[in-house]
Protein backbone atom coordinates (compact mmCIF):
# COMPACT_ATOMS: atom_id res chain seq x y z
CA MET A 1 91.25 93.43 97.27
CA SER A 2 94.46 91.53 97.95
CA LEU A 3 97.47 92.02 95.67
CA TYR A 4 97.12 88.33 94.87
CA ASP A 5 93.60 88.83 93.45
CA ILE A 6 94.30 91.71 91.07
CA PRO A 7 93.85 90.58 87.45
CA LEU A 8 97.03 90.86 85.38
CA ARG A 9 98.02 89.97 81.82
CA THR A 10 101.24 88.38 80.65
CA LEU A 11 103.32 89.96 77.89
CA GLN A 12 101.59 87.48 75.55
CA GLY A 13 98.16 88.77 76.66
CA GLU A 14 97.15 85.78 78.79
CA ALA A 15 95.20 86.29 82.02
CA THR A 16 97.23 85.79 85.19
CA SER A 17 97.56 87.07 88.76
CA LEU A 18 99.98 86.98 91.65
CA ALA A 19 97.97 84.10 93.16
CA ASP A 20 100.38 81.61 91.57
CA HIS A 21 103.16 83.26 93.59
CA ARG A 22 101.31 83.53 96.91
CA ASP A 23 103.90 81.37 98.69
CA GLU A 24 106.90 82.98 97.00
CA ALA A 25 108.90 86.17 97.24
CA VAL A 26 108.24 88.32 94.15
CA LEU A 27 110.27 91.34 93.07
CA ILE A 28 107.92 93.47 90.95
CA VAL A 29 109.84 95.93 88.75
CA ASN A 30 108.60 98.41 86.14
CA VAL A 31 111.05 97.98 83.29
CA ALA A 32 112.02 99.76 80.07
CA SER A 33 114.27 98.85 77.16
CA LYS A 34 115.65 102.29 76.30
CA CYS A 35 116.52 103.72 79.72
CA GLY A 36 119.86 104.53 81.31
CA LEU A 37 118.86 102.02 84.01
CA THR A 38 118.10 99.23 81.50
CA PRO A 39 121.35 97.40 82.38
CA GLN A 40 119.60 96.55 85.68
CA TYR A 41 117.99 93.72 83.69
CA ALA A 42 121.29 91.84 84.11
CA GLY A 43 121.16 92.10 87.91
CA LEU A 44 117.48 91.16 87.96
CA GLU A 45 118.23 88.05 85.92
CA ARG A 46 121.11 87.11 88.25
CA LEU A 47 118.72 87.40 91.23
CA GLN A 48 116.23 85.21 89.35
CA LYS A 49 118.84 82.52 88.70
CA THR A 50 120.27 82.69 92.21
CA TYR A 51 117.02 82.45 94.16
CA ALA A 52 114.40 80.83 91.87
CA GLU A 53 114.81 77.39 93.44
CA ARG A 54 114.19 78.90 96.89
CA GLY A 55 110.77 80.31 95.99
CA PHE A 56 111.61 83.63 94.33
CA THR A 57 110.74 85.30 91.05
CA VAL A 58 111.26 88.64 89.42
CA LEU A 59 108.17 89.99 87.66
CA GLY A 60 108.93 92.59 84.99
CA VAL A 61 106.27 95.18 84.19
CA PRO A 62 107.09 97.11 81.00
CA CYS A 63 106.04 100.75 81.23
CA ASN A 64 106.25 103.54 78.65
CA GLN A 65 105.32 106.43 80.99
CA PHE A 66 108.85 107.71 81.59
CA ALA A 67 110.17 109.64 78.56
CA GLY A 68 108.73 107.00 76.20
CA GLN A 69 111.53 104.58 77.06
CA GLU A 70 109.49 101.41 76.42
CA PRO A 71 107.99 102.08 72.96
CA GLY A 72 108.09 98.52 71.62
CA SER A 73 105.35 95.99 70.98
CA ALA A 74 105.00 92.96 73.23
CA GLU A 75 106.99 90.91 70.72
CA GLU A 76 109.76 93.54 70.51
CA ILE A 77 109.97 93.78 74.32
CA GLY A 78 110.17 90.00 74.71
CA THR A 79 112.82 89.67 72.01
CA PHE A 80 114.91 92.51 73.44
CA CYS A 81 114.81 91.09 76.97
CA SER A 82 115.72 87.54 75.98
CA ALA A 83 118.30 88.40 73.30
CA THR A 84 120.05 91.25 75.14
CA TYR A 85 119.88 90.14 78.79
CA GLY A 86 118.85 86.47 78.66
CA VAL A 87 115.75 87.26 80.71
CA THR A 88 113.96 84.14 81.93
CA PHE A 89 111.64 85.76 84.48
CA PRO A 90 108.02 86.52 83.54
CA LEU A 91 106.99 89.82 81.99
CA LEU A 92 103.56 91.39 82.12
CA GLU A 93 101.90 93.45 79.40
CA LYS A 94 102.87 97.11 79.09
CA THR A 95 101.26 98.88 82.06
CA ASP A 96 100.70 102.38 83.41
CA VAL A 97 102.15 102.71 86.91
CA ASN A 98 101.16 106.35 87.57
CA GLY A 99 98.33 108.73 86.72
CA GLU A 100 94.64 108.27 86.04
CA GLY A 101 95.23 105.06 84.09
CA ARG A 102 97.39 103.55 86.85
CA HIS A 103 96.94 99.78 86.98
CA PRO A 104 95.21 98.52 90.17
CA LEU A 105 98.41 96.61 91.07
CA TYR A 106 100.33 99.88 91.19
CA ALA A 107 97.46 101.68 92.92
CA GLU A 108 98.16 99.31 95.81
CA LEU A 109 101.95 99.13 95.55
CA THR A 110 102.42 102.91 95.51
CA ARG A 111 100.77 103.14 98.93
CA VAL A 112 103.90 101.50 100.34
CA ALA A 113 106.58 103.86 101.66
CA ASP A 114 110.26 103.50 100.81
CA ALA A 115 113.12 103.46 103.36
CA GLU A 116 112.79 107.24 103.79
CA GLY A 117 109.09 106.94 104.56
CA GLU A 118 107.88 108.28 101.19
CA ALA A 119 104.98 106.61 99.41
CA GLY A 120 103.28 107.80 96.23
CA ASP A 121 104.05 107.71 92.53
CA VAL A 122 106.70 105.53 90.98
CA GLN A 123 109.67 107.85 90.37
CA TRP A 124 111.11 106.28 87.21
CA ASN A 125 111.80 103.00 85.44
CA PHE A 126 113.15 100.13 87.56
CA GLU A 127 111.40 100.97 90.83
CA LYS A 128 111.22 97.72 92.81
CA PHE A 129 108.59 96.29 95.15
CA LEU A 130 109.41 93.08 97.01
CA LEU A 131 106.27 91.13 97.86
CA ALA A 132 106.96 88.58 100.59
CA PRO A 133 104.84 85.49 101.21
CA GLY A 134 101.94 86.73 103.31
CA GLY A 135 101.71 90.06 101.51
CA ALA A 136 104.28 92.36 103.17
CA VAL A 137 105.83 94.79 100.65
CA THR A 138 109.23 96.51 100.72
CA ARG A 139 109.95 99.34 98.27
CA PHE A 140 113.23 100.23 96.59
CA ARG A 141 113.66 103.29 94.39
CA PRO A 142 114.90 103.07 90.77
CA ARG A 143 118.58 103.82 91.32
CA THR A 144 118.89 101.04 93.89
CA GLU A 145 120.61 98.26 91.98
CA PRO A 146 118.93 94.84 92.02
CA GLU A 147 121.98 93.31 93.73
CA ALA A 148 122.46 96.11 96.27
CA PRO A 149 123.04 94.70 99.77
CA GLU A 150 119.70 96.00 101.06
CA VAL A 151 117.77 94.34 98.21
CA VAL A 152 119.61 91.04 98.56
CA ALA A 153 119.09 91.04 102.34
CA ALA A 154 115.36 91.72 101.90
CA VAL A 155 115.03 88.99 99.26
CA GLU A 156 116.86 86.46 101.43
CA ALA A 157 114.69 87.35 104.44
CA ALA A 158 111.54 86.86 102.36
CA LEU A 159 112.48 83.52 100.80
CA PRO A 160 110.12 80.72 101.81
CA ARG A 161 112.80 78.03 101.53
């Protein structure tokens, strides 16, 4: 199954998939509202605003698997993201990224190795996977800031326009 065919749900519970973004660059990030890395939302939103018109989107995936740092309801998550960080990029429903209940999207994404050649489980909140048009994936670990030079370079190389 292609990443583009995996069924997903929006934060509001509506059916969706990556198919709508097939010709775009998509930065898929597992996010949390109560994490030391939560300020990365600001950098993610700046990337969204900078590159959206060139065929780019951030896709936030709330996850409560790391020290219970995303305990809120869908409404609470949405309100926090928009009120605190002005988030305009789409958010999916709360999702498991590791373990037996790992979502099929993350079952595929975690097969991708990072810059050090390590694949496997998501390490923590704010791990990033850049999906380029055509399906190539680049992985960035949680402490890599959204606007780090290596992320920006990868995003710019993946932009369709």
